PDB file of all heavy atoms in Angstrom:
ATOM      1  N   LYS A   1       0.834  -1.204   0.000  1.00  0.00           N
ATOM      2  CA  LYS A   1       0.000   0.000   0.000  1.00  0.00           C
ATOM      3  C   LYS A   1       0.868   1.253   0.000  1.00  0.00           C
ATOM      4  O   LYS A   1       0.633   2.195  -0.750  1.00  0.00           O
ATOM      5  CB  LYS A   1      -0.913  -0.013   1.225  1.00  0.00           C
ATOM      6  CG  LYS A   1      -1.985  -1.089   1.203  1.00  0.00           C
ATOM      7  CD  LYS A   1      -2.834  -1.040   2.466  1.00  0.00           C
ATOM      8  CE  LYS A   1      -3.878  -2.146   2.462  1.00  0.00           C
ATOM      9  NZ  LYS A   1      -4.700  -2.140   3.704  1.00  0.00           N
ATOM     10  N   VAL A   2       1.881   1.254   0.868  1.00  0.00           N
ATOM     11  CA  VAL A   2       2.791   2.402   0.943  1.00  0.00           C
ATOM     12  C   VAL A   2       3.572   2.552  -0.355  1.00  0.00           C
ATOM     13  O   VAL A   2       3.724   3.656  -0.891  1.00  0.00           O
ATOM     14  CB  VAL A   2       3.761   2.245   2.132  1.00  0.00           C
ATOM     15  CG1 VAL A   2       4.772   3.394   2.167  1.00  0.00           C
ATOM     16  CG2 VAL A   2       2.992   2.171   3.441  1.00  0.00           C
ATOM     17  N   LEU A   3       4.055   1.423  -0.877  1.00  0.00           N
ATOM     18  CA  LEU A   3       4.884   1.440  -2.081  1.00  0.00           C
ATOM     19  C   LEU A   3       4.121   1.970  -3.284  1.00  0.00           C
ATOM     20  O   LEU A   3       4.635   2.777  -4.053  1.00  0.00           O
ATOM     21  CB  LEU A   3       5.409   0.040  -2.362  1.00  0.00           C
ATOM     22  CG  LEU A   3       6.379  -0.112  -3.537  1.00  0.00           C
ATOM     23  CD1 LEU A   3       7.653   0.672  -3.254  1.00  0.00           C
ATOM     24  CD2 LEU A   3       6.712  -1.572  -3.771  1.00  0.00           C
ATOM     25  N   LEU A   4       2.867   1.528  -3.452  1.00  0.00           N
ATOM     26  CA  LEU A   4       2.082   1.976  -4.599  1.00  0.00           C
ATOM     27  C   LEU A   4       1.834   3.473  -4.540  1.00  0.00           C
ATOM     28  O   LEU A   4       1.839   4.158  -5.566  1.00  0.00           O
ATOM     29  CB  LEU A   4       0.756   1.215  -4.669  1.00  0.00           C
ATOM     30  CG  LEU A   4       0.873  -0.222  -5.160  1.00  0.00           C
ATOM     31  CD1 LEU A   4      -0.462  -0.941  -5.045  1.00  0.00           C
ATOM     32  CD2 LEU A   4       1.354  -0.256  -6.603  1.00  0.00           C
ATOM     33  N   ASN A   5       1.625   4.014  -3.353  1.00  0.00           N
ATOM     34  CA  ASN A   5       1.471   5.457  -3.225  1.00  0.00           C
ATOM     35  C   ASN A   5       2.782   6.172  -3.506  1.00  0.00           C
ATOM     36  O   ASN A   5       2.810   7.238  -4.121  1.00  0.00           O
ATOM     37  CB  ASN A   5       0.991   5.811  -1.814  1.00  0.00           C
ATOM     38  CG  ASN A   5      -0.439   5.389  -1.556  1.00  0.00           C
ATOM     39  OD1 ASN A   5      -1.245   5.344  -2.487  1.00  0.00           O
ATOM     40  ND2 ASN A   5      -0.765   5.068  -0.314  1.00  0.00           N
ATOM     41  N   THR A   6       3.882   5.556  -3.085  1.00  0.00           N
ATOM     42  CA  THR A   6       5.201   6.158  -3.268  1.00  0.00           C
ATOM     43  C   THR A   6       5.597   6.233  -4.733  1.00  0.00           C
ATOM     44  O   THR A   6       6.145   7.234  -5.188  1.00  0.00           O
ATOM     45  CB  THR A   6       6.262   5.347  -2.504  1.00  0.00           C
ATOM     46  OG1 THR A   6       5.930   5.346  -1.124  1.00  0.00           O
ATOM     47  CG2 THR A   6       7.647   5.943  -2.694  1.00  0.00           C
ATOM     48  N   ILE A   7       5.293   5.165  -5.486  1.00  0.00           N
ATOM     49  CA  ILE A   7       5.725   5.109  -6.884  1.00  0.00           C
ATOM     50  C   ILE A   7       4.604   5.474  -7.831  1.00  0.00           C
ATOM     51  O   ILE A   7       4.685   5.231  -9.024  1.00  0.00           O
ATOM     52  CB  ILE A   7       6.256   3.715  -7.251  1.00  0.00           C
ATOM     53  CG1 ILE A   7       5.143   2.660  -7.106  1.00  0.00           C
ATOM     54  CG2 ILE A   7       7.459   3.349  -6.407  1.00  0.00           C
ATOM     55  CD1 ILE A   7       5.580   1.274  -7.530  1.00  0.00           C
ATOM     56  N   ASP A   8       3.539   6.093  -7.280  1.00  0.00           N
ATOM     57  CA  ASP A   8       2.400   6.457  -8.125  1.00  0.00           C
ATOM     58  C   ASP A   8       2.817   7.351  -9.282  1.00  0.00           C
ATOM     59  O   ASP A   8       2.281   7.300 -10.374  1.00  0.00           O
ATOM     60  CB  ASP A   8       1.337   7.174  -7.290  1.00  0.00           C
ATOM     61  CG  ASP A   8       0.137   7.584  -8.107  1.00  0.00           C
ATOM     62  OD1 ASP A   8      -0.435   6.704  -8.774  1.00  0.00           O
ATOM     63  OD2 ASP A   8      -0.209   8.773  -8.083  1.00  0.00           O
ATOM     64  N   LEU A   9       3.856   8.191  -9.023  1.00  0.00           N
ATOM     65  CA  LEU A   9       4.337   9.067 -10.087  1.00  0.00           C
ATOM     66  C   LEU A   9       5.137   8.313 -11.125  1.00  0.00           C
ATOM     67  O   LEU A   9       5.394   8.824 -12.210  1.00  0.00           O
ATOM     68  CB  LEU A   9       5.211  10.184  -9.501  1.00  0.00           C
ATOM     69  CG  LEU A   9       4.494  11.160  -8.554  1.00  0.00           C
ATOM     70  CD1 LEU A   9       5.483  12.179  -8.052  1.00  0.00           C
ATOM     71  CD2 LEU A   9       3.341  11.835  -9.251  1.00  0.00           C
ATOM     72  N   ASP A  10       5.552   7.102 -10.785  1.00  0.00           N
ATOM     73  CA  ASP A  10       6.307   6.253 -11.708  1.00  0.00           C
ATOM     74  C   ASP A  10       7.569   6.944 -12.192  1.00  0.00           C
ATOM     75  O   ASP A  10       7.892   6.973 -13.374  1.00  0.00           O
ATOM     76  CB  ASP A  10       5.447   5.851 -12.901  1.00  0.00           C
ATOM     77  CG  ASP A  10       6.026   4.658 -13.643  1.00  0.00           C
ATOM     78  OD1 ASP A  10       6.780   3.874 -13.054  1.00  0.00           O
ATOM     79  OD2 ASP A  10       5.723   4.539 -14.835  1.00  0.00           O
ATOM     80  N   ILE A  11       8.299   7.543 -11.272  1.00  0.00           N
ATOM     81  CA  ILE A  11       9.514   8.255 -11.665  1.00  0.00           C
ATOM     82  C   ILE A  11      10.758   7.601 -11.090  1.00  0.00           C
ATOM     83  O   ILE A  11      11.864   8.093 -11.286  1.00  0.00           O
ATOM     84  CB  ILE A  11       9.483   9.729 -11.210  1.00  0.00           C
ATOM     85  CG1 ILE A  11       9.381   9.794  -9.677  1.00  0.00           C
ATOM     86  CG2 ILE A  11       8.339  10.463 -11.861  1.00  0.00           C
ATOM     87  CD1 ILE A  11       9.385  11.198  -9.134  1.00  0.00           C
ATOM     88  N   GLY A  12      10.606   6.479 -10.402  1.00  0.00           N
ATOM     89  CA  GLY A  12      11.751   5.850  -9.773  1.00  0.00           C
ATOM     90  C   GLY A  12      12.441   4.829 -10.637  1.00  0.00           C
ATOM     91  O   GLY A  12      13.254   4.075 -10.172  1.00  0.00           O
ATOM     92  N   GLU A  13      12.123   4.760 -11.932  1.00  0.00           N
ATOM     93  CA  GLU A  13      12.694   3.736 -12.788  1.00  0.00           C
ATOM     94  C   GLU A  13      14.159   4.025 -13.074  1.00  0.00           C
ATOM     95  O   GLU A  13      14.538   5.144 -13.383  1.00  0.00           O
ATOM     96  CB  GLU A  13      11.915   3.656 -14.102  1.00  0.00           C
ATOM     97  CG  GLU A  13      10.451   3.301 -13.895  1.00  0.00           C
ATOM     98  CD  GLU A  13       9.664   3.299 -15.189  1.00  0.00           C
ATOM     99  OE1 GLU A  13      10.290   3.441 -16.257  1.00  0.00           O
ATOM    100  OE2 GLU A  13       8.436   3.183 -15.131  1.00  0.00           O
ATOM    101  N   THR A  14      14.961   3.013 -12.981  1.00  0.00           N
ATOM    102  CA  THR A  14      16.396   3.191 -13.199  1.00  0.00           C
ATOM    103  C   THR A  14      16.724   3.360 -14.678  1.00  0.00           C
ATOM    104  O   THR A  14      17.831   3.705 -15.021  1.00  0.00           O
ATOM    105  CB  THR A  14      17.159   1.971 -12.652  1.00  0.00           C
ATOM    106  OG1 THR A  14      16.663   0.784 -13.301  1.00  0.00           O
ATOM    107  CG2 THR A  14      16.951   1.833 -11.156  1.00  0.00           C
ATOM    108  N   THR A  15      15.748   3.148 -15.567  1.00  0.00           N
ATOM    109  CA  THR A  15      16.013   3.223 -16.990  1.00  0.00           C
ATOM    110  C   THR A  15      15.891   4.648 -17.545  1.00  0.00           C
ATOM    111  O   THR A  15      16.116   4.864 -18.717  1.00  0.00           O
ATOM    112  CB  THR A  15      15.037   2.309 -17.754  1.00  0.00           C
ATOM    113  OG1 THR A  15      13.696   2.666 -17.415  1.00  0.00           O
ATOM    114  CG2 THR A  15      15.270   0.861 -17.399  1.00  0.00           C
ATOM    115  N   VAL A  16      15.490   5.614 -16.702  1.00  0.00           N
ATOM    116  CA  VAL A  16      15.324   6.982 -17.174  1.00  0.00           C
ATOM    117  C   VAL A  16      16.689   7.628 -17.328  1.00  0.00           C
ATOM    118  O   VAL A  16      17.446   7.754 -16.368  1.00  0.00           O
ATOM    119  CB  VAL A  16      14.458   7.801 -16.198  1.00  0.00           C
ATOM    120  CG1 VAL A  16      14.332   9.238 -16.689  1.00  0.00           C
ATOM    121  CG2 VAL A  16      13.096   7.169 -16.059  1.00  0.00           C
ATOM    122  N   ASP A  17      17.018   8.055 -18.529  1.00  0.00           N
ATOM    123  CA  ASP A  17      18.272   8.749 -18.796  1.00  0.00           C
ATOM    124  C   ASP A  17      18.040  10.255 -18.781  1.00  0.00           C
ATOM    125  O   ASP A  17      16.915  10.728 -18.988  1.00  0.00           O
ATOM    126  CB  ASP A  17      18.828   8.343 -20.165  1.00  0.00           C
ATOM    127  CG  ASP A  17      19.234   6.879 -20.195  1.00  0.00           C
ATOM    128  OD1 ASP A  17      19.713   6.390 -19.161  1.00  0.00           O
ATOM    129  OD2 ASP A  17      19.068   6.248 -21.257  1.00  0.00           O
ATOM    130  N   GLU A  18      19.111  10.993 -18.572  1.00  0.00           N
ATOM    131  CA  GLU A  18      18.991  12.450 -18.528  1.00  0.00           C
ATOM    132  C   GLU A  18      18.459  12.999 -19.842  1.00  0.00           C
ATOM    133  O   GLU A  18      17.665  13.943 -19.856  1.00  0.00           O
ATOM    134  CB  GLU A  18      20.345  13.073 -18.196  1.00  0.00           C
ATOM    135  CG  GLU A  18      20.280  14.585 -18.005  1.00  0.00           C
ATOM    136  CD  GLU A  18      21.576  15.155 -17.459  1.00  0.00           C
ATOM    137  OE1 GLU A  18      21.985  14.719 -16.361  1.00  0.00           O
ATOM    138  OE2 GLU A  18      22.172  16.018 -18.125  1.00  0.00           O
ATOM    139  N   LYS A  19      18.827  12.367 -20.956  1.00  0.00           N
ATOM    140  CA  LYS A  19      18.369  12.864 -22.253  1.00  0.00           C
ATOM    141  C   LYS A  19      16.862  12.666 -22.454  1.00  0.00           C
ATOM    142  O   LYS A  19      16.249  13.328 -23.280  1.00  0.00           O
ATOM    143  CB  LYS A  19      19.135  12.180 -23.386  1.00  0.00           C
ATOM    144  CG  LYS A  19      18.992  10.669 -23.437  1.00  0.00           C
ATOM    145  CD  LYS A  19      19.845  10.078 -24.555  1.00  0.00           C
ATOM    146  CE  LYS A  19      19.781   8.557 -24.591  1.00  0.00           C
ATOM    147  NZ  LYS A  19      18.438   8.039 -24.792  1.00  0.00           N
ATOM    148  N   ASP A  20      16.269  11.748 -21.680  1.00  0.00           N
ATOM    149  CA  ASP A  20      14.831  11.494 -21.782  1.00  0.00           C
ATOM    150  C   ASP A  20      14.043  12.196 -20.690  1.00  0.00           C
ATOM    151  O   ASP A  20      12.812  12.053 -20.611  1.00  0.00           O
ATOM    152  CB  ASP A  20      14.549   9.988 -21.690  1.00  0.00           C
ATOM    153  CG  ASP A  20      15.249   9.200 -22.776  1.00  0.00           C
ATOM    154  OD1 ASP A  20      15.273   9.688 -23.917  1.00  0.00           O
ATOM    155  OD2 ASP A  20      15.776   8.108 -22.479  1.00  0.00           O
ATOM    156  N   ALA A  21      14.724  12.952 -19.832  1.00  0.00           N
ATOM    157  CA  ALA A  21      14.087  13.516 -18.649  1.00  0.00           C
ATOM    158  C   ALA A  21      12.983  14.511 -18.984  1.00  0.00           C
ATOM    159  O   ALA A  21      11.953  14.556 -18.314  1.00  0.00           O
ATOM    160  CB  ALA A  21      15.139  14.179 -17.759  1.00  0.00           C
ATOM    161  N   LYS A  22      13.175  15.339 -20.023  1.00  0.00           N
ATOM    162  CA  LYS A  22      12.148  16.329 -20.370  1.00  0.00           C
ATOM    163  C   LYS A  22      10.848  15.641 -20.766  1.00  0.00           C
ATOM    164  O   LYS A  22       9.761  16.051 -20.344  1.00  0.00           O
ATOM    165  CB  LYS A  22      12.636  17.230 -21.509  1.00  0.00           C
ATOM    166  CG  LYS A  22      13.708  18.222 -21.103  1.00  0.00           C
ATOM    167  CD  LYS A  22      14.095  19.148 -22.250  1.00  0.00           C
ATOM    168  CE  LYS A  22      12.949  20.059 -22.639  1.00  0.00           C
ATOM    169  NZ  LYS A  22      13.342  21.018 -23.701  1.00  0.00           N
ATOM    170  N   GLN A  23      10.957  14.580 -21.570  1.00  0.00           N
ATOM    171  CA  GLN A  23       9.764  13.857 -21.991  1.00  0.00           C
ATOM    172  C   GLN A  23       9.102  13.183 -20.793  1.00  0.00           C
ATOM    173  O   GLN A  23       7.874  13.194 -20.653  1.00  0.00           O
ATOM    174  CB  GLN A  23      10.144  12.811 -23.045  1.00  0.00           C
ATOM    175  CG  GLN A  23       8.985  11.947 -23.534  1.00  0.00           C
ATOM    176  CD  GLN A  23       7.901  12.754 -24.226  1.00  0.00           C
ATOM    177  OE1 GLN A  23       8.172  13.792 -24.838  1.00  0.00           O
ATOM    178  NE2 GLN A  23       6.675  12.276 -24.146  1.00  0.00           N
ATOM    179  N   LYS A  24       9.925  12.606 -19.916  1.00  0.00           N
ATOM    180  CA  LYS A  24       9.400  11.935 -18.725  1.00  0.00           C
ATOM    181  C   LYS A  24       8.676  12.927 -17.825  1.00  0.00           C
ATOM    182  O   LYS A  24       7.593  12.639 -17.296  1.00  0.00           O
ATOM    183  CB  LYS A  24      10.543  11.269 -17.968  1.00  0.00           C
ATOM    184  CG  LYS A  24      10.102  10.413 -16.798  1.00  0.00           C
ATOM    185  CD  LYS A  24       9.393   9.175 -17.261  1.00  0.00           C
ATOM    186  CE  LYS A  24       9.053   8.272 -16.090  1.00  0.00           C
ATOM    187  NZ  LYS A  24       8.329   7.058 -16.521  1.00  0.00           N
ATOM    188  N   LEU A  25       9.259  14.094 -17.638  1.00  0.00           N
ATOM    189  CA  LEU A  25       8.647  15.122 -16.800  1.00  0.00           C
ATOM    190  C   LEU A  25       7.343  15.620 -17.418  1.00  0.00           C
ATOM    191  O   LEU A  25       6.355  15.856 -16.715  1.00  0.00           O
ATOM    192  CB  LEU A  25       9.626  16.281 -16.588  1.00  0.00           C
ATOM    193  CG  LEU A  25       9.120  17.428 -15.708  1.00  0.00           C
ATOM    194  CD1 LEU A  25       8.768  16.915 -14.316  1.00  0.00           C
ATOM    195  CD2 LEU A  25      10.182  18.527 -15.607  1.00  0.00           C
ATOM    196  N   HIS A  26       7.349  15.779 -18.738  1.00  0.00           N
ATOM    197  CA  HIS A  26       6.128  16.213 -19.438  1.00  0.00           C
ATOM    198  C   HIS A  26       5.005  15.188 -19.236  1.00  0.00           C
ATOM    199  O   HIS A  26       3.849  15.547 -18.965  1.00  0.00           O
ATOM    200  CB  HIS A  26       6.425  16.394 -20.925  1.00  0.00           C
ATOM    201  CG  HIS A  26       5.226  16.799 -21.733  1.00  0.00           C
ATOM    202  ND1 HIS A  26       4.783  18.098 -21.793  1.00  0.00           N
ATOM    203  CD2 HIS A  26       4.355  16.060 -22.485  1.00  0.00           C
ATOM    204  CE1 HIS A  26       3.698  18.160 -22.550  1.00  0.00           C
ATOM    205  NE2 HIS A  26       3.424  16.926 -22.981  1.00  0.00           N
ATOM    206  N   GLU A  27       5.327  13.903 -19.354  1.00  0.00           N
ATOM    207  CA  GLU A  27       4.332  12.840 -19.169  1.00  0.00           C
ATOM    208  C   GLU A  27       3.815  12.835 -17.734  1.00  0.00           C
ATOM    209  O   GLU A  27       2.626  12.617 -17.494  1.00  0.00           O
ATOM    210  CB  GLU A  27       4.951  11.486 -19.515  1.00  0.00           C
ATOM    211  CG  GLU A  27       5.283  11.326 -20.993  1.00  0.00           C
ATOM    212  CD  GLU A  27       6.064  10.045 -21.275  1.00  0.00           C
ATOM    213  OE1 GLU A  27       6.376   9.325 -20.290  1.00  0.00           O
ATOM    214  OE2 GLU A  27       6.351   9.772 -22.454  1.00  0.00           O
ATOM    215  N   LEU A  28       4.725  13.049 -16.785  1.00  0.00           N
ATOM    216  CA  LEU A  28       4.348  13.076 -15.381  1.00  0.00           C
ATOM    217  C   LEU A  28       3.363  14.209 -15.103  1.00  0.00           C
ATOM    218  O   LEU A  28       2.347  14.020 -14.433  1.00  0.00           O
ATOM    219  CB  LEU A  28       5.592  13.227 -14.524  1.00  0.00           C
ATOM    220  CG  LEU A  28       5.387  13.467 -13.024  1.00  0.00           C
ATOM    221  CD1 LEU A  28       4.642  12.283 -12.403  1.00  0.00           C
ATOM    222  CD2 LEU A  28       6.716  13.682 -12.332  1.00  0.00           C
ATOM    223  N   CYS A  29       3.667  15.397 -15.614  1.00  0.00           N
ATOM    224  CA  CYS A  29       2.790  16.553 -15.398  1.00  0.00           C
ATOM    225  C   CYS A  29       1.416  16.330 -16.025  1.00  0.00           C
ATOM    226  O   CYS A  29       0.387  16.702 -15.463  1.00  0.00           O
ATOM    227  CB  CYS A  29       3.441  17.814 -15.970  1.00  0.00           C
ATOM    228  SG  CYS A  29       4.896  18.364 -15.034  1.00  0.00           S
ATOM    229  N   SER A  30       1.408  15.717 -17.193  1.00  0.00           N
ATOM    230  CA  SER A  30       0.144  15.430 -17.855  1.00  0.00           C
ATOM    231  C   SER A  30      -0.673  14.431 -17.043  1.00  0.00           C
ATOM    232  O   SER A  30      -1.887  14.583 -16.864  1.00  0.00           O
ATOM    233  CB  SER A  30       0.409  14.879 -19.263  1.00  0.00           C
ATOM    234  OG  SER A  30      -0.801  14.515 -19.903  1.00  0.00           O
ATOM    235  N   LYS A  31       0.003  13.409 -16.523  1.00  0.00           N
ATOM    236  CA  LYS A  31      -0.671  12.375 -15.730  1.00  0.00           C
ATOM    237  C   LYS A  31      -1.244  12.961 -14.447  1.00  0.00           C
ATOM    238  O   LYS A  31      -2.363  12.611 -14.038  1.00  0.00           O
ATOM    239  CB  LYS A  31       0.329  11.258 -15.411  1.00  0.00           C
ATOM    240  CG  LYS A  31      -0.215  10.180 -14.490  1.00  0.00           C
ATOM    241  CD  LYS A  31       0.850   9.138 -14.198  1.00  0.00           C
ATOM    242  CE  LYS A  31       0.331   8.094 -13.201  1.00  0.00           C
ATOM    243  NZ  LYS A  31       1.366   7.085 -12.883  1.00  0.00           N
ATOM    244  N   LYS A  32      -0.486  13.851 -13.793  1.00  0.00           N
ATOM    245  CA  LYS A  32      -0.924  14.422 -12.519  1.00  0.00           C
ATOM    246  C   LYS A  32      -1.776  15.678 -12.713  1.00  0.00           C
ATOM    247  O   LYS A  32      -2.235  16.273 -11.758  1.00  0.00           O
ATOM    248  CB  LYS A  32       0.304  14.769 -11.666  1.00  0.00           C
ATOM    249  CG  LYS A  32       1.216  13.586 -11.373  1.00  0.00           C
ATOM    250  CD  LYS A  32       0.523  12.522 -10.558  1.00  0.00           C
ATOM    251  CE  LYS A  32       0.232  12.952  -9.149  1.00  0.00           C
ATOM    252  NZ  LYS A  32      -0.363  11.849  -8.337  1.00  0.00           N
ATOM    253  N   ARG A  33      -1.977  16.060 -13.976  1.00  0.00           N
ATOM    254  CA  ARG A  33      -2.769  17.254 -14.315  1.00  0.00           C
ATOM    255  C   ARG A  33      -2.166  18.523 -13.726  1.00  0.00           C
ATOM    256  O   ARG A  33      -2.867  19.413 -13.254  1.00  0.00           O
ATOM    257  CB  ARG A  33      -4.228  17.083 -13.849  1.00  0.00           C
ATOM    258  CG  ARG A  33      -4.947  15.933 -14.554  1.00  0.00           C
ATOM    259  CD  ARG A  33      -6.394  15.835 -14.149  1.00  0.00           C
ATOM    260  NE  ARG A  33      -7.049  14.735 -14.869  1.00  0.00           N
ATOM    261  CZ  ARG A  33      -8.314  14.382 -14.691  1.00  0.00           C
ATOM    262  NH1 ARG A  33      -9.081  15.049 -13.831  1.00  0.00           N
ATOM    263  NH2 ARG A  33      -8.830  13.371 -15.367  1.00  0.00           N
ATOM    264  N   TRP A  34      -0.828  18.562 -13.744  1.00  0.00           N
ATOM    265  CA  TRP A  34      -0.125  19.770 -13.372  1.00  0.00           C
ATOM    266  C   TRP A  34       0.073  20.616 -14.622  1.00  0.00           C
ATOM    267  O   TRP A  34      -0.112  20.148 -15.750  1.00  0.00           O
ATOM    268  CB  TRP A  34       1.247  19.432 -12.779  1.00  0.00           C
ATOM    269  CG  TRP A  34       1.197  18.666 -11.499  1.00  0.00           C
ATOM    270  CD1 TRP A  34       0.146  18.542 -10.649  1.00  0.00           C
ATOM    271  CD2 TRP A  34       2.268  17.899 -10.918  1.00  0.00           C
ATOM    272  NE1 TRP A  34       0.480  17.764  -9.570  1.00  0.00           N
ATOM    273  CE2 TRP A  34       1.780  17.351  -9.706  1.00  0.00           C
ATOM    274  CE3 TRP A  34       3.575  17.639 -11.292  1.00  0.00           C
ATOM    275  CZ2 TRP A  34       2.559  16.549  -8.884  1.00  0.00           C
ATOM    276  CZ3 TRP A  34       4.351  16.834 -10.477  1.00  0.00           C
ATOM    277  CH2 TRP A  34       3.857  16.300  -9.282  1.00  0.00           C
ATOM    278  N   SER A  35       0.467  21.868 -14.408  1.00  0.00           N
ATOM    279  CA  SER A  35       0.784  22.717 -15.557  1.00  0.00           C
ATOM    280  C   SER A  35       2.051  22.195 -16.233  1.00  0.00           C
ATOM    281  O   SER A  35       2.847  21.475 -15.629  1.00  0.00           O
ATOM    282  CB  SER A  35       1.000  24.157 -15.105  1.00  0.00           C
ATOM    283  OG  SER A  35       2.096  24.240 -14.202  1.00  0.00           O
ATOM    284  N   LYS A  36       2.245  22.575 -17.502  1.00  0.00           N
ATOM    285  CA  LYS A  36       3.429  22.125 -18.226  1.00  0.00           C
ATOM    286  C   LYS A  36       4.699  22.701 -17.592  1.00  0.00           C
ATOM    287  O   LYS A  36       4.678  23.816 -17.073  1.00  0.00           O
ATOM    288  CB  LYS A  36       3.353  22.550 -19.695  1.00  0.00           C
ATOM    289  CG  LYS A  36       2.255  21.856 -20.480  1.00  0.00           C
ATOM    290  CD  LYS A  36       2.286  22.304 -21.930  1.00  0.00           C
ATOM    291  CE  LYS A  36       1.200  21.596 -22.736  1.00  0.00           C
ATOM    292  NZ  LYS A  36       1.201  22.018 -24.156  1.00  0.00           N
ATOM    293  N   PRO A  37       5.786  21.959 -17.609  1.00  0.00           N
ATOM    294  CA  PRO A  37       7.051  22.463 -17.058  1.00  0.00           C
ATOM    295  C   PRO A  37       7.474  23.752 -17.769  1.00  0.00           C
ATOM    296  O   PRO A  37       7.340  23.874 -18.997  1.00  0.00           O
ATOM    297  CB  PRO A  37       8.045  21.331 -17.337  1.00  0.00           C
ATOM    298  CG  PRO A  37       7.198  20.112 -17.513  1.00  0.00           C
ATOM    299  CD  PRO A  37       5.932  20.589 -18.142  1.00  0.00           C
ATOM    300  N   CYS A  38       7.955  24.699 -16.999  1.00  0.00           N
ATOM    301  CA  CYS A  38       8.403  25.982 -17.560  1.00  0.00           C
ATOM    302  C   CYS A  38       9.920  26.094 -17.389  1.00  0.00           C
ATOM    303  O   CYS A  38      10.431  26.090 -16.267  1.00  0.00           O
ATOM    304  CB  CYS A  38       7.693  27.124 -16.830  1.00  0.00           C
ATOM    305  SG  CYS A  38       8.146  28.760 -17.414  1.00  0.00           S
ATOM    306  N   TYR A  39      10.638  26.178 -18.521  1.00  0.00           N
ATOM    307  CA  TYR A  39      12.093  26.234 -18.492  1.00  0.00           C
ATOM    308  C   TYR A  39      12.578  27.666 -18.741  1.00  0.00           C
ATOM    309  O   TYR A  39      11.932  28.440 -19.470  1.00  0.00           O
ATOM    310  CB  TYR A  39      12.692  25.319 -19.564  1.00  0.00           C
ATOM    311  CG  TYR A  39      12.369  23.853 -19.377  1.00  0.00           C
ATOM    312  CD1 TYR A  39      11.229  23.300 -19.956  1.00  0.00           C
ATOM    313  CD2 TYR A  39      13.200  23.030 -18.619  1.00  0.00           C
ATOM    314  CE1 TYR A  39      10.931  21.946 -19.793  1.00  0.00           C
ATOM    315  CE2 TYR A  39      12.914  21.686 -18.450  1.00  0.00           C
ATOM    316  CZ  TYR A  39      11.770  21.146 -19.038  1.00  0.00           C
ATOM    317  OH  TYR A  39      11.476  19.831 -18.868  1.00  0.00           O
ATOM    318  N   ARG A  40      13.726  28.005 -18.139  1.00  0.00           N
ATOM    319  CA  ARG A  40      14.339  29.306 -18.424  1.00  0.00           C
ATOM    320  C   ARG A  40      15.853  29.205 -18.272  1.00  0.00           C
ATOM    321  O   ARG A  40      16.370  28.390 -17.494  1.00  0.00           O
ATOM    322  CB  ARG A  40      13.792  30.384 -17.498  1.00  0.00           C
ATOM    323  CG  ARG A  40      14.250  30.272 -16.065  1.00  0.00           C
ATOM    324  CD  ARG A  40      13.717  31.418 -15.226  1.00  0.00           C
ATOM    325  NE  ARG A  40      14.253  31.379 -13.867  1.00  0.00           N
ATOM    326  CZ  ARG A  40      13.883  32.228 -12.906  1.00  0.00           C
ATOM    327  NH1 ARG A  40      12.972  33.163 -13.177  1.00  0.00           N
ATOM    328  NH2 ARG A  40      14.426  32.135 -11.710  1.00  0.00           N
ATOM    329  N   VAL A  41      16.556  30.024 -19.029  1.00  0.00           N
ATOM    330  CA  VAL A  41      18.016  30.086 -18.925  1.00  0.00           C
ATOM    331  C   VAL A  41      18.361  31.086 -17.828  1.00  0.00           C
ATOM    332  O   VAL A  41      18.046  32.270 -17.927  1.00  0.00           O
ATOM    333  CB  VAL A  41      18.650  30.528 -20.260  1.00  0.00           C
ATOM    334  CG1 VAL A  41      20.167  30.664 -20.111  1.00  0.00           C
ATOM    335  CG2 VAL A  41      18.313  29.550 -21.362  1.00  0.00           C
ATOM    336  N   ASP A  42      18.997  30.611 -16.765  1.00  0.00           N
ATOM    337  CA  ASP A  42      19.327  31.464 -15.630  1.00  0.00           C
ATOM    338  C   ASP A  42      20.668  32.165 -15.792  1.00  0.00           C
ATOM    339  O   ASP A  42      20.870  33.265 -15.281  1.00  0.00           O
ATOM    340  CB  ASP A  42      19.359  30.630 -14.344  1.00  0.00           C
ATOM    341  CG  ASP A  42      17.994  30.053 -13.973  1.00  0.00           C
ATOM    342  OD1 ASP A  42      16.982  30.736 -14.225  1.00  0.00           O
ATOM    343  OD2 ASP A  42      17.951  28.920 -13.461  1.00  0.00           O
ATOM    344  N   ASN A  43      21.601  31.511 -16.492  1.00  0.00           N
ATOM    345  CA  ASN A  43      22.936  32.088 -16.573  1.00  0.00           C
ATOM    346  C   ASN A  43      23.707  31.482 -17.743  1.00  0.00           C
ATOM    347  O   ASN A  43      23.391  30.381 -18.212  1.00  0.00           O
ATOM    348  CB  ASN A  43      23.694  31.818 -15.269  1.00  0.00           C
ATOM    349  CG  ASN A  43      24.957  32.660 -15.137  1.00  0.00           C
ATOM    350  OD1 ASN A  43      25.095  33.674 -15.812  1.00  0.00           O
ATOM    351  ND2 ASN A  43      25.864  32.223 -14.281  1.00  0.00           N
ATOM    352  N   GLU A  44      24.706  32.218 -18.248  1.00  0.00           N
ATOM    353  CA  GLU A  44      25.613  31.736 -19.286  1.00  0.00           C
ATOM    354  C   GLU A  44      27.033  32.043 -18.830  1.00  0.00           C
ATOM    355  O   GLU A  44      27.320  33.127 -18.341  1.00  0.00           O
ATOM    356  CB  GLU A  44      25.346  32.431 -20.620  1.00  0.00           C
ATOM    357  CG  GLU A  44      23.948  32.216 -21.156  1.00  0.00           C
ATOM    358  CD  GLU A  44      23.712  32.959 -22.475  1.00  0.00           C
ATOM    359  OE1 GLU A  44      24.716  33.252 -23.170  1.00  0.00           O
ATOM    360  OE2 GLU A  44      22.552  33.258 -22.788  1.00  0.00           O
ATOM    361  N   GLU A  45      27.925  31.081 -18.990  1.00  0.00           N
ATOM    362  CA  GLU A  45      29.306  31.270 -18.572  1.00  0.00           C
ATOM    363  C   GLU A  45      30.261  30.805 -19.662  1.00  0.00           C
ATOM    364  O   GLU A  45      29.939  29.891 -20.422  1.00  0.00           O
ATOM    365  CB  GLU A  45      29.593  30.482 -17.281  1.00  0.00           C
ATOM    366  CG  GLU A  45      28.843  30.970 -16.058  1.00  0.00           C
ATOM    367  CD  GLU A  45      29.200  30.166 -14.812  1.00  0.00           C
ATOM    368  OE1 GLU A  45      30.024  29.232 -14.942  1.00  0.00           O
ATOM    369  OE2 GLU A  45      28.659  30.450 -13.733  1.00  0.00           O
TER     370      GLU A  45
END
């Protein structure tokens, strides 16, 4: 019961790569009915 609530977001998979993170986050927000992720460039060096 605890585990299913914990992994309800389905984000704990070890197969998620950094290059796929934006798509994964977008799917998560859609599933949870959150607003779309908002990205911004904070700094350039």
